[in-house]
Amino acid sequence: MTEGATDEVSVRDHPAAHRFEVWVGDERAGFTHYVDRRDGVVAFDHTEIEPRFEHHGLAGRLIGEALAAARDRGWAVLPECPFVRAYLQKHPELVDLVPADERVVFGLD
């Protein structure tokens, strides 16, 4: 990834694959997968960034935008993926996306 390439970064939902994807230009740099657990509750269960795109803040941007989309859609979130859980721990203003009775399970109480 080159300097200034962050201007080319976009996050897109790919509903057929149940994932949000982060793109750098025309290359998919990574994704976070989600699964419908029950009505209105979605688990983010796996996040991957391609090795050559690691350490450029793309995972944080991906998760931040995926959680914003979850809020816009009225989804409750189960952060089963360790990266999503860590992101929520660093951004307590988003913890309300996790159902109150589930927060202790994910160390978000």
PDB file of N, CA and C in Angstrom:
ATOM      1  N   MET A   1       0.850  -1.170   0.000  1.00  0.00           N
ATOM      2  CA  MET A   1       0.000   0.000   0.000  1.00  0.00           C
ATOM      3  C   MET A   1       0.897   1.234   0.000  1.00  0.00           C
ATOM      4  N   THR A   2       0.592   2.163  -0.852  1.00  0.00           N
ATOM      5  CA  THR A   2       1.442   3.338  -0.978  1.00  0.00           C
ATOM      6  C   THR A   2       0.936   4.499  -0.142  1.00  0.00           C
ATOM      7  N   GLU A   3       1.800   5.449   0.120  1.00  0.00           N
ATOM      8  CA  GLU A   3       1.430   6.669   0.828  1.00  0.00           C
ATOM      9  C   GLU A   3       0.322   7.371   0.050  1.00  0.00           C
ATOM     10  N   GLY A   4      -0.704   7.835   0.758  1.00  0.00           N
ATOM     11  CA  GLY A   4      -1.806   8.529   0.101  1.00  0.00           C
ATOM     12  C   GLY A   4      -2.887   7.609  -0.413  1.00  0.00           C
ATOM     13  N   ALA A   5      -2.661   6.301  -0.358  1.00  0.00           N
ATOM     14  CA  ALA A   5      -3.653   5.361  -0.874  1.00  0.00           C
ATOM     15  C   ALA A   5      -4.896   5.315  -0.012  1.00  0.00           C
ATOM     16  N   THR A   6      -4.825   5.824   1.221  1.00  0.00           N
ATOM     17  CA  THR A   6      -6.004   5.791   2.082  1.00  0.00           C
ATOM     18  C   THR A   6      -7.146   6.599   1.488  1.00  0.00           C
ATOM     19  N   ASP A   7      -6.846   7.545   0.577  1.00  0.00           N
ATOM     20  CA  ASP A   7      -7.904   8.297  -0.096  1.00  0.00           C
ATOM     21  C   ASP A   7      -8.755   7.372  -0.960  1.00  0.00           C
ATOM     22  N   GLU A   8      -8.204   6.249  -1.361  1.00  0.00           N
ATOM     23  CA  GLU A   8      -8.887   5.306  -2.235  1.00  0.00           C
ATOM     24  C   GLU A   8      -9.624   4.210  -1.459  1.00  0.00           C
ATOM     25  N   VAL A   9      -9.655   4.297  -0.142  1.00  0.00           N
ATOM     26  CA  VAL A   9     -10.243   3.245   0.683  1.00  0.00           C
ATOM     27  C   VAL A   9     -11.758   3.400   0.734  1.00  0.00           C
ATOM     28  N   SER A  10     -12.450   2.284   0.575  1.00  0.00           N
ATOM     29  CA  SER A  10     -13.902   2.281   0.741  1.00  0.00           C
ATOM     30  C   SER A  10     -14.316   1.009   1.464  1.00  0.00           C
ATOM     31  N   VAL A  11     -15.417   1.103   2.165  1.00  0.00           N
ATOM     32  CA  VAL A  11     -16.000  -0.059   2.844  1.00  0.00           C
ATOM     33  C   VAL A  11     -17.358  -0.302   2.207  1.00  0.00           C
ATOM     34  N   ARG A  12     -17.593  -1.562   1.848  1.00  0.00           N
ATOM     35  CA  ARG A  12     -18.832  -1.930   1.148  1.00  0.00           C
ATOM     36  C   ARG A  12     -19.458  -3.148   1.815  1.00  0.00           C
ATOM     37  N   ASP A  13     -20.759  -3.138   1.893  1.00  0.00           N
ATOM     38  CA  ASP A  13     -21.458  -4.334   2.351  1.00  0.00           C
ATOM     39  C   ASP A  13     -21.617  -5.271   1.160  1.00  0.00           C
ATOM     40  N   HIS A  14     -21.383  -6.539   1.392  1.00  0.00           N
ATOM     41  CA  HIS A  14     -21.590  -7.574   0.377  1.00  0.00           C
ATOM     42  C   HIS A  14     -22.568  -8.565   0.999  1.00  0.00           C
ATOM     43  N   PRO A  15     -23.875  -8.223   0.973  1.00  0.00           N
ATOM     44  CA  PRO A  15     -24.879  -9.024   1.687  1.00  0.00           C
ATOM     45  C   PRO A  15     -24.923 -10.498   1.279  1.00  0.00           C
ATOM     46  N   ALA A  16     -24.700 -10.796   0.015  1.00  0.00           N
ATOM     47  CA  ALA A  16     -24.757 -12.196  -0.431  1.00  0.00           C
ATOM     48  C   ALA A  16     -23.683 -13.035   0.251  1.00  0.00           C
ATOM     49  N   ALA A  17     -22.561 -12.420   0.606  1.00  0.00           N
ATOM     50  CA  ALA A  17     -21.467 -13.125   1.285  1.00  0.00           C
ATOM     51  C   ALA A  17     -21.506 -12.892   2.800  1.00  0.00           C
ATOM     52  N   HIS A  18     -22.468 -12.107   3.270  1.00  0.00           N
ATOM     53  CA  HIS A  18     -22.598 -11.785   4.701  1.00  0.00           C
ATOM     54  C   HIS A  18     -21.321 -11.167   5.248  1.00  0.00           C
ATOM     55  N   ARG A  19     -20.848 -10.146   4.557  1.00  0.00           N
ATOM     56  CA  ARG A  19     -19.646  -9.502   5.057  1.00  0.00           C
ATOM     57  C   ARG A  19     -19.539  -8.068   4.545  1.00  0.00           C
ATOM     58  N   PHE A  20     -18.842  -7.284   5.339  1.00  0.00           N
ATOM     59  CA  PHE A  20     -18.409  -5.960   4.917  1.00  0.00           C
ATOM     60  C   PHE A  20     -16.986  -6.124   4.432  1.00  0.00           C
ATOM     61  N   GLU A  21     -16.670  -5.450   3.332  1.00  0.00           N
ATOM     62  CA  GLU A  21     -15.345  -5.549   2.739  1.00  0.00           C
ATOM     63  C   GLU A  21     -14.691  -4.184   2.709  1.00  0.00           C
ATOM     64  N   VAL A  22     -13.395  -4.163   2.935  1.00  0.00           N
ATOM     65  CA  VAL A  22     -12.628  -2.935   2.781  1.00  0.00           C
ATOM     66  C   VAL A  22     -11.828  -3.066   1.490  1.00  0.00           C
ATOM     67  N   TRP A  23     -11.914  -2.026   0.678  1.00  0.00           N
ATOM     68  CA  TRP A  23     -11.262  -2.011  -0.628  1.00  0.00           C
ATOM     69  C   TRP A  23     -10.258  -0.876  -0.682  1.00  0.00           C
ATOM     70  N   VAL A  24      -9.138  -1.123  -1.297  1.00  0.00           N
ATOM     71  CA  VAL A  24      -8.151  -0.095  -1.609  1.00  0.00           C
ATOM     72  C   VAL A  24      -8.091  -0.051  -3.127  1.00  0.00           C
ATOM     73  N   GLY A  25      -8.638   1.011  -3.682  1.00  0.00           N
ATOM     74  CA  GLY A  25      -8.769   1.068  -5.136  1.00  0.00           C
ATOM     75  C   GLY A  25      -9.652  -0.074  -5.599  1.00  0.00           C
ATOM     76  N   ASP A  26      -9.141  -0.895  -6.504  1.00  0.00           N
ATOM     77  CA  ASP A  26      -9.923  -2.023  -7.021  1.00  0.00           C
ATOM     78  C   ASP A  26      -9.512  -3.364  -6.406  1.00  0.00           C
ATOM     79  N   GLU A  27      -8.808  -3.298  -5.265  1.00  0.00           N
ATOM     80  CA  GLU A  27      -8.388  -4.527  -4.586  1.00  0.00           C
ATOM     81  C   GLU A  27      -9.108  -4.680  -3.255  1.00  0.00           C
ATOM     82  N   ARG A  28      -9.674  -5.865  -3.038  1.00  0.00           N
ATOM     83  CA  ARG A  28     -10.260  -6.137  -1.730  1.00  0.00           C
ATOM     84  C   ARG A  28      -9.119  -6.400  -0.760  1.00  0.00           C
ATOM     85  N   ALA A  29      -9.041  -5.583   0.273  1.00  0.00           N
ATOM     86  CA  ALA A  29      -7.956  -5.687   1.245  1.00  0.00           C
ATOM     87  C   ALA A  29      -8.345  -6.519   2.462  1.00  0.00           C
ATOM     88  N   GLY A  30      -9.621  -6.736   2.667  1.00  0.00           N
ATOM     89  CA  GLY A  30     -10.051  -7.532   3.811  1.00  0.00           C
ATOM     90  C   GLY A  30     -11.550  -7.513   3.965  1.00  0.00           C
ATOM     91  N   PHE A  31     -12.015  -8.186   5.028  1.00  0.00           N
ATOM     92  CA  PHE A  31     -13.458  -8.265   5.270  1.00  0.00           C
ATOM     93  C   PHE A  31     -13.725  -8.596   6.730  1.00  0.00           C
ATOM     94  N   THR A  32     -14.947  -8.327   7.145  1.00  0.00           N
ATOM     95  CA  THR A  32     -15.455  -8.826   8.414  1.00  0.00           C
ATOM     96  C   THR A  32     -16.771  -9.536   8.115  1.00  0.00           C
ATOM     97  N   HIS A  33     -16.880 -10.749   8.563  1.00  0.00           N
ATOM     98  CA  HIS A  33     -18.024 -11.610   8.281  1.00  0.00           C
ATOM     99  C   HIS A  33     -19.065 -11.466   9.382  1.00  0.00           C
ATOM    100  N   TYR A  34     -20.334 -11.476   8.998  1.00  0.00           N
ATOM    101  CA  TYR A  34     -21.416 -11.409   9.977  1.00  0.00           C
ATOM    102  C   TYR A  34     -22.450 -12.498   9.724  1.00  0.00           C
ATOM    103  N   VAL A  35     -23.120 -12.897  10.801  1.00  0.00           N
ATOM    104  CA  VAL A  35     -24.113 -13.969  10.755  1.00  0.00           C
ATOM    105  C   VAL A  35     -25.345 -13.505  11.524  1.00  0.00           C
ATOM    106  N   ASP A  36     -26.520 -13.704  10.939  1.00  0.00           N
ATOM    107  CA  ASP A  36     -27.759 -13.423  11.663  1.00  0.00           C
ATOM    108  C   ASP A  36     -27.943 -14.495  12.727  1.00  0.00           C
ATOM    109  N   ARG A  37     -27.958 -14.094  13.987  1.00  0.00           N
ATOM    110  CA  ARG A  37     -28.129 -15.052  15.078  1.00  0.00           C
ATOM    111  C   ARG A  37     -29.595 -15.216  15.457  1.00  0.00           C
ATOM    112  N   ARG A  38     -30.312 -14.105  15.445  1.00  0.00           N
ATOM    113  CA  ARG A  38     -31.747 -14.106  15.702  1.00  0.00           C
ATOM    114  C   ARG A  38     -32.265 -12.765  15.218  1.00  0.00           C
ATOM    115  N   ASP A  39     -33.552 -12.570  15.280  1.00  0.00           N
ATOM    116  CA  ASP A  39     -34.172 -11.369  14.736  1.00  0.00           C
ATOM    117  C   ASP A  39     -33.491 -10.089  15.225  1.00  0.00           C
ATOM    118  N   GLY A  40     -32.820  -9.402  14.308  1.00  0.00           N
ATOM    119  CA  GLY A  40     -32.192  -8.131  14.631  1.00  0.00           C
ATOM    120  C   GLY A  40     -30.873  -8.218  15.377  1.00  0.00           C
ATOM    121  N   VAL A  41     -30.362  -9.434  15.595  1.00  0.00           N
ATOM    122  CA  VAL A  41     -29.083  -9.616  16.285  1.00  0.00           C
ATOM    123  C   VAL A  41     -28.102 -10.269  15.310  1.00  0.00           C
ATOM    124  N   VAL A  42     -26.976  -9.591  15.114  1.00  0.00           N
ATOM    125  CA  VAL A  42     -25.981 -10.044  14.152  1.00  0.00           C
ATOM    126  C   VAL A  42     -24.655 -10.253  14.880  1.00  0.00           C
ATOM    127  N   ALA A  43     -24.033 -11.389  14.626  1.00  0.00           N
ATOM    128  CA  ALA A  43     -22.714 -11.672  15.196  1.00  0.00           C
ATOM    129  C   ALA A  43     -21.649 -11.391  14.149  1.00  0.00           C
ATOM    130  N   PHE A  44     -20.662 -10.601  14.538  1.00  0.00           N
ATOM    131  CA  PHE A  44     -19.466 -10.451  13.719  1.00  0.00           C
ATOM    132  C   PHE A  44     -18.498 -11.517  14.220  1.00  0.00           C
ATOM    133  N   ASP A  45     -18.217 -12.512  13.373  1.00  0.00           N
ATOM    134  CA  ASP A  45     -17.495 -13.687  13.861  1.00  0.00           C
ATOM    135  C   ASP A  45     -16.075 -13.854  13.296  1.00  0.00           C
ATOM    136  N   HIS A  46     -15.693 -13.042  12.318  1.00  0.00           N
ATOM    137  CA  HIS A  46     -14.350 -13.210  11.751  1.00  0.00           C
ATOM    138  C   HIS A  46     -13.968 -11.963  10.964  1.00  0.00           C
ATOM    139  N   THR A  47     -12.733 -11.538  11.130  1.00  0.00           N
ATOM    140  CA  THR A  47     -12.196 -10.403  10.373  1.00  0.00           C
ATOM    141  C   THR A  47     -10.836 -10.801   9.816  1.00  0.00           C
ATOM    142  N   GLU A  48     -10.594 -10.436   8.566  1.00  0.00           N
ATOM    143  CA  GLU A  48      -9.312 -10.712   7.917  1.00  0.00           C
ATOM    144  C   GLU A  48      -8.859  -9.503   7.121  1.00  0.00           C
ATOM    145  N   ILE A  49      -7.583  -9.201   7.216  1.00  0.00           N
ATOM    146  CA  ILE A  49      -6.950  -8.209   6.350  1.00  0.00           C
ATOM    147  C   ILE A  49      -5.819  -8.933   5.630  1.00  0.00           C
ATOM    148  N   GLU A  50      -5.754  -8.753   4.316  1.00  0.00           N
ATOM    149  CA  GLU A  50      -4.679  -9.369   3.541  1.00  0.00           C
ATOM    150  C   GLU A  50      -3.330  -8.887   4.087  1.00  0.00           C
ATOM    151  N   PRO A  51      -2.354  -9.784   4.209  1.00  0.00           N
ATOM    152  CA  PRO A  51      -1.067  -9.422   4.821  1.00  0.00           C
ATOM    153  C   PRO A  51      -0.427  -8.148   4.266  1.00  0.00           C
ATOM    154  N   ARG A  52      -0.487  -7.948   2.975  1.00  0.00           N
ATOM    155  CA  ARG A  52       0.179  -6.760   2.425  1.00  0.00           C
ATOM    156  C   ARG A  52      -0.524  -5.456   2.791  1.00  0.00           C
ATOM    157  N   PHE A  53      -1.758  -5.548   3.336  1.00  0.00           N
ATOM    158  CA  PHE A  53      -2.502  -4.358   3.732  1.00  0.00           C
ATOM    159  C   PHE A  53      -2.540  -4.166   5.249  1.00  0.00           C
ATOM    160  N   GLU A  54      -1.876  -5.062   5.978  1.00  0.00           N
ATOM    161  CA  GLU A  54      -1.878  -4.946   7.438  1.00  0.00           C
ATOM    162  C   GLU A  54      -1.116  -3.704   7.886  1.00  0.00           C
ATOM    163  N   HIS A  55      -1.453  -3.240   9.079  1.00  0.00           N
ATOM    164  CA  HIS A  55      -0.752  -2.125   9.738  1.00  0.00           C
ATOM    165  C   HIS A  55      -0.939  -0.784   9.036  1.00  0.00           C
ATOM    166  N   HIS A  56      -2.078  -0.612   8.380  1.00  0.00           N
ATOM    167  CA  HIS A  56      -2.396   0.659   7.732  1.00  0.00           C
ATOM    168  C   HIS A  56      -3.722   1.224   8.241  1.00  0.00           C
ATOM    169  N   GLY A  57      -4.253   0.641   9.317  1.00  0.00           N
ATOM    170  CA  GLY A  57      -5.501   1.139   9.887  1.00  0.00           C
ATOM    171  C   GLY A  57      -6.751   0.693   9.162  1.00  0.00           C
ATOM    172  N   LEU A  58      -6.610  -0.222   8.215  1.00  0.00           N
ATOM    173  CA  LEU A  58      -7.772  -0.644   7.434  1.00  0.00           C
ATOM    174  C   LEU A  58      -8.764  -1.459   8.251  1.00  0.00           C
ATOM    175  N   ALA A  59      -8.277  -2.291   9.151  1.00  0.00           N
ATOM    176  CA  ALA A  59      -9.189  -3.103   9.963  1.00  0.00           C
ATOM    177  C   ALA A  59     -10.042  -2.203  10.854  1.00  0.00           C
ATOM    178  N   GLY A  60      -9.427  -1.192  11.445  1.00  0.00           N
ATOM    179  CA  GLY A  60     -10.192  -0.259  12.273  1.00  0.00           C
ATOM    180  C   GLY A  60     -11.237   0.494  11.475  1.00  0.00           C
ATOM    181  N   ARG A  61     -10.857   0.921  10.288  1.00  0.00           N
ATOM    182  CA  ARG A  61     -11.828   1.615   9.433  1.00  0.00           C
ATOM    183  C   ARG A  61     -12.960   0.671   9.033  1.00  0.00           C
ATOM    184  N   LEU A  62     -12.612  -0.548   8.684  1.00  0.00           N
ATOM    185  CA  LEU A  62     -13.604  -1.553   8.312  1.00  0.00           C
ATOM    186  C   LEU A  62     -14.597  -1.790   9.446  1.00  0.00           C
ATOM    187  N   ILE A  63     -14.091  -2.052  10.635  1.00  0.00           N
ATOM    188  CA  ILE A  63     -14.970  -2.342  11.770  1.00  0.00           C
ATOM    189  C   ILE A  63     -15.780  -1.116  12.148  1.00  0.00           C
ATOM    190  N   GLY A  64     -15.151   0.047  12.151  1.00  0.00           N
ATOM    191  CA  GLY A  64     -15.883   1.271  12.478  1.00  0.00           C
ATOM    192  C   GLY A  64     -17.060   1.503  11.549  1.00  0.00           C
ATOM    193  N   GLU A  65     -16.843   1.335  10.254  1.00  0.00           N
ATOM    194  CA  GLU A  65     -17.924   1.546   9.289  1.00  0.00           C
ATOM    195  C   GLU A  65     -18.962   0.427   9.335  1.00  0.00           C
ATOM    196  N   ALA A  66     -18.524  -0.799   9.597  1.00  0.00           N
ATOM    197  CA  ALA A  66     -19.480  -1.910   9.721  1.00  0.00           C
ATOM    198  C   ALA A  66     -20.381  -1.696  10.934  1.00  0.00           C
ATOM    199  N   LEU A  67     -19.813  -1.236  12.050  1.00  0.00           N
ATOM    200  CA  LEU A  67     -20.626  -0.979  13.243  1.00  0.00           C
ATOM    201  C   LEU A  67     -21.556   0.213  13.030  1.00  0.00           C
ATOM    202  N   ALA A  68     -21.108   1.216  12.294  1.00  0.00           N
ATOM    203  CA  ALA A  68     -21.985   2.347  11.973  1.00  0.00           C
ATOM    204  C   ALA A  68     -23.169   1.875  11.132  1.00  0.00           C
ATOM    205  N   ALA A  69     -22.903   0.991  10.184  1.00  0.00           N
ATOM    206  CA  ALA A  69     -23.984   0.441   9.359  1.00  0.00           C
ATOM    207  C   ALA A  69     -24.934  -0.392  10.212  1.00  0.00           C
ATOM    208  N   ALA A  70     -24.376  -1.158  11.146  1.00  0.00           N
ATOM    209  CA  ALA A  70     -25.218  -1.951  12.050  1.00  0.00           C
ATOM    210  C   ALA A  70     -26.154  -1.033  12.826  1.00  0.00           C
ATOM    211  N   ARG A  71     -25.630   0.067  13.346  1.00  0.00           N
ATOM    212  CA  ARG A  71     -26.465   1.024  14.080  1.00  0.00           C
ATOM    213  C   ARG A  71     -27.559   1.587  13.177  1.00  0.00           C
ATOM    214  N   ASP A  72     -27.188   1.997  11.962  1.00  0.00           N
ATOM    215  CA  ASP A  72     -28.158   2.558  11.021  1.00  0.00           C
ATOM    216  C   ASP A  72     -29.274   1.567  10.698  1.00  0.00           C
ATOM    217  N   ARG A  73     -28.951   0.287  10.696  1.00  0.00           N
ATOM    218  CA  ARG A  73     -29.932  -0.753  10.357  1.00  0.00           C
ATOM    219  C   ARG A  73     -30.710  -1.251  11.572  1.00  0.00           C
ATOM    220  N   GLY A  74     -30.350  -0.743  12.739  1.00  0.00           N
ATOM    221  CA  GLY A  74     -31.042  -1.156  13.956  1.00  0.00           C
ATOM    222  C   GLY A  74     -30.614  -2.518  14.466  1.00  0.00           C
ATOM    223  N   TRP A  75     -29.442  -2.991  14.060  1.00  0.00           N
ATOM    224  CA  TRP A  75     -28.950  -4.294  14.496  1.00  0.00           C
ATOM    225  C   TRP A  75     -28.353  -4.199  15.891  1.00  0.00           C
ATOM    226  N   ALA A  76     -28.545  -5.232  16.669  1.00  0.00           N
ATOM    227  CA  ALA A  76     -27.752  -5.457  17.874  1.00  0.00           C
ATOM    228  C   ALA A  76     -26.566  -6.310  17.427  1.00  0.00           C
ATOM    229  N   VAL A  77     -25.442  -6.156  18.111  1.00  0.00           N
ATOM    230  CA  VAL A  77     -24.197  -6.778  17.661  1.00  0.00           C
ATOM    231  C   VAL A  77     -23.636  -7.715  18.726  1.00  0.00           C
ATOM    232  N   LEU A  78     -23.220  -8.895  18.302  1.00  0.00           N
ATOM    233  CA  LEU A  78     -22.468  -9.814  19.150  1.00  0.00           C
ATOM    234  C   LEU A  78     -21.042  -9.844  18.606  1.00  0.00           C
ATOM    235  N   PRO A  79     -20.066  -9.316  19.352  1.00  0.00           N
ATOM    236  CA  PRO A  79     -18.689  -9.250  18.858  1.00  0.00           C
ATOM    237  C   PRO A  79     -17.920 -10.542  19.124  1.00  0.00           C
ATOM    238  N   GLU A  80     -18.239 -11.586  18.384  1.00  0.00           N
ATOM    239  CA  GLU A  80     -17.573 -12.877  18.555  1.00  0.00           C
ATOM    240  C   GLU A  80     -16.137 -12.846  18.040  1.00  0.00           C
ATOM    241  N   CYS A  81     -15.866 -12.007  17.065  1.00  0.00           N
ATOM    242  CA  CYS A  81     -14.509 -11.853  16.533  1.00  0.00           C
ATOM    243  C   CYS A  81     -13.671 -11.066  17.542  1.00  0.00           C
ATOM    244  N   PRO A  82     -12.492 -11.567  17.902  1.00  0.00           N
ATOM    245  CA  PRO A  82     -11.648 -10.848  18.865  1.00  0.00           C
ATOM    246  C   PRO A  82     -11.307  -9.425  18.435  1.00  0.00           C
ATOM    247  N   PHE A  83     -11.140  -9.192  17.144  1.00  0.00           N
ATOM    248  CA  PHE A  83     -10.809  -7.841  16.697  1.00  0.00           C
ATOM    249  C   PHE A  83     -11.991  -6.898  16.910  1.00  0.00           C
ATOM    250  N   VAL A  84     -13.192  -7.349  16.607  1.00  0.00           N
ATOM    251  CA  VAL A  84     -14.385  -6.513  16.810  1.00  0.00           C
ATOM    252  C   VAL A  84     -14.554  -6.225  18.295  1.00  0.00           C
ATOM    253  N   ARG A  85     -14.344  -7.238  19.115  1.00  0.00           N
ATOM    254  CA  ARG A  85     -14.448  -7.056  20.573  1.00  0.00           C
ATOM    255  C   ARG A  85     -13.426  -6.026  21.056  1.00  0.00           C
ATOM    256  N   ALA A  86     -12.191  -6.135  20.601  1.00  0.00           N
ATOM    257  CA  ALA A  86     -11.145  -5.178  20.994  1.00  0.00           C
ATOM    258  C   ALA A  86     -11.499  -3.767  20.522  1.00  0.00           C
ATOM    259  N   TYR A  87     -12.058  -3.653  19.336  1.00  0.00           N
ATOM    260  CA  TYR A  87     -12.463  -2.351  18.823  1.00  0.00           C
ATOM    261  C   TYR A  87     -13.512  -1.734  19.748  1.00  0.00           C
ATOM    262  N   LEU A  88     -14.481  -2.528  20.162  1.00  0.00           N
ATOM    263  CA  LEU A  88     -15.521  -2.033  21.062  1.00  0.00           C
ATOM    264  C   LEU A  88     -14.944  -1.650  22.428  1.00  0.00           C
ATOM    265  N   GLN A  89     -13.966  -2.381  22.899  1.00  0.00           N
ATOM    266  CA  GLN A  89     -13.326  -2.035  24.167  1.00  0.00           C
ATOM    267  C   GLN A  89     -12.627  -0.684  24.069  1.00  0.00           C
ATOM    268  N   LYS A  90     -12.093  -0.359  22.899  1.00  0.00           N
ATOM    269  CA  LYS A  90     -11.420   0.925  22.692  1.00  0.00           C
ATOM    270  C   LYS A  90     -12.405   2.059  22.374  1.00  0.00           C
ATOM    271  N   HIS A  91     -13.632   1.698  22.025  1.00  0.00           N
ATOM    272  CA  HIS A  91     -14.656   2.683  21.654  1.00  0.00           C
ATOM    273  C   HIS A  91     -15.920   2.439  22.480  1.00  0.00           C
ATOM    274  N   PRO A  92     -15.864   2.759  23.771  1.00  0.00           N
ATOM    275  CA  PRO A  92     -16.999   2.467  24.650  1.00  0.00           C
ATOM    276  C   PRO A  92     -18.296   3.152  24.235  1.00  0.00           C
ATOM    277  N   GLU A  93     -18.213   4.192  23.435  1.00  0.00           N
ATOM    278  CA  GLU A  93     -19.427   4.864  22.964  1.00  0.00           C
ATOM    279  C   GLU A  93     -20.249   3.969  22.032  1.00  0.00           C
ATOM    280  N   LEU A  94     -19.673   2.858  21.587  1.00  0.00           N
ATOM    281  CA  LEU A  94     -20.377   1.932  20.695  1.00  0.00           C
ATOM    282  C   LEU A  94     -20.877   0.677  21.402  1.00  0.00           C
ATOM    283  N   VAL A  95     -20.528   0.519  22.662  1.00  0.00           N
ATOM    284  CA  VAL A  95     -20.877  -0.705  23.396  1.00  0.00           C
ATOM    285  C   VAL A  95     -22.389  -0.901  23.483  1.00  0.00           C
ATOM    286  N   ASP A  96     -23.152   0.176  23.375  1.00  0.00           N
ATOM    287  CA  ASP A  96     -24.606   0.037  23.431  1.00  0.00           C
ATOM    288  C   ASP A  96     -25.159  -0.786  22.268  1.00  0.00           C
ATOM    289  N   LEU A  97     -24.363  -1.037  21.242  1.00  0.00           N
ATOM    290  CA  LEU A  97     -24.791  -1.926  20.157  1.00  0.00           C
ATOM    291  C   LEU A  97     -24.921  -3.370  20.629  1.00  0.00           C
ATOM    292  N   VAL A  98     -24.188  -3.717  21.676  1.00  0.00           N
ATOM    293  CA  VAL A  98     -24.222  -5.084  22.225  1.00  0.00           C
ATOM    294  C   VAL A  98     -25.357  -5.153  23.245  1.00  0.00           C
ATOM    295  N   PRO A  99     -26.248  -6.146  23.129  1.00  0.00           N
ATOM    296  CA  PRO A  99     -27.325  -6.264  24.109  1.00  0.00           C
ATOM    297  C   PRO A  99     -26.762  -6.275  25.537  1.00  0.00           C
ATOM    298  N   ALA A 100     -27.413  -5.543  26.422  1.00  0.00           N
ATOM    299  CA  ALA A 100     -26.923  -5.379  27.795  1.00  0.00           C
ATOM    300  C   ALA A 100     -26.642  -6.718  28.468  1.00  0.00           C
ATOM    301  N   ASP A 101     -27.509  -7.705  28.259  1.00  0.00           N
ATOM    302  CA  ASP A 101     -27.330  -8.999  28.918  1.00  0.00           C
ATOM    303  C   ASP A 101     -26.227  -9.847  28.288  1.00  0.00           C
ATOM    304  N   GLU A 102     -25.664  -9.392  27.190  1.00  0.00           N
ATOM    305  CA  GLU A 102     -24.560 -10.113  26.517  1.00  0.00           C
ATOM    306  C   GLU A 102     -23.200  -9.465  26.782  1.00  0.00           C
ATOM    307  N   ARG A 103     -23.179  -8.243  27.277  1.00  0.00           N
ATOM    308  CA  ARG A 103     -21.915  -7.500  27.407  1.00  0.00           C
ATOM    309  C   ARG A 103     -20.896  -8.197  28.292  1.00  0.00           C
ATOM    310  N   VAL A 104     -21.341  -8.766  29.399  1.00  0.00           N
ATOM    311  CA  VAL A 104     -20.408  -9.434  30.319  1.00  0.00           C
ATOM    312  C   VAL A 104     -19.727 -10.615  29.630  1.00  0.00           C
ATOM    313  N   VAL A 105     -20.447 -11.286  28.755  1.00  0.00           N
ATOM    314  CA  VAL A 105     -19.891 -12.436  28.011  1.00  0.00           C
ATOM    315  C   VAL A 105     -18.677 -12.011  27.189  1.00  0.00           C
ATOM    316  N   PHE A 106     -18.708 -10.773  26.683  1.00  0.00           N
ATOM    317  CA  PHE A 106     -17.650 -10.275  25.804  1.00  0.00           C
ATOM    318  C   PHE A 106     -16.681  -9.324  26.523  1.00  0.00           C
ATOM    319  N   GLY A 107     -16.782  -9.254  27.838  1.00  0.00           N
ATOM    320  CA  GLY A 107     -15.885  -8.392  28.603  1.00  0.00           C
ATOM    321  C   GLY A 107     -16.144  -6.916  28.387  1.00  0.00           C
ATOM    322  N   LEU A 108     -17.388  -6.560  28.120  1.00  0.00           N
ATOM    323  CA  LEU A 108     -17.747  -5.174  27.828  1.00  0.00           C
ATOM    324  C   LEU A 108     -18.641  -4.565  28.912  1.00  0.00           C
ATOM    325  N   ASP A 109     -18.613  -5.142  30.094  1.00  0.00           N
ATOM    326  CA  ASP A 109     -19.477  -4.630  31.163  1.00  0.00           C
ATOM    327  C   ASP A 109     -18.860  -3.484  31.915  1.00  0.00           C
TER     328      ASP A 109
END
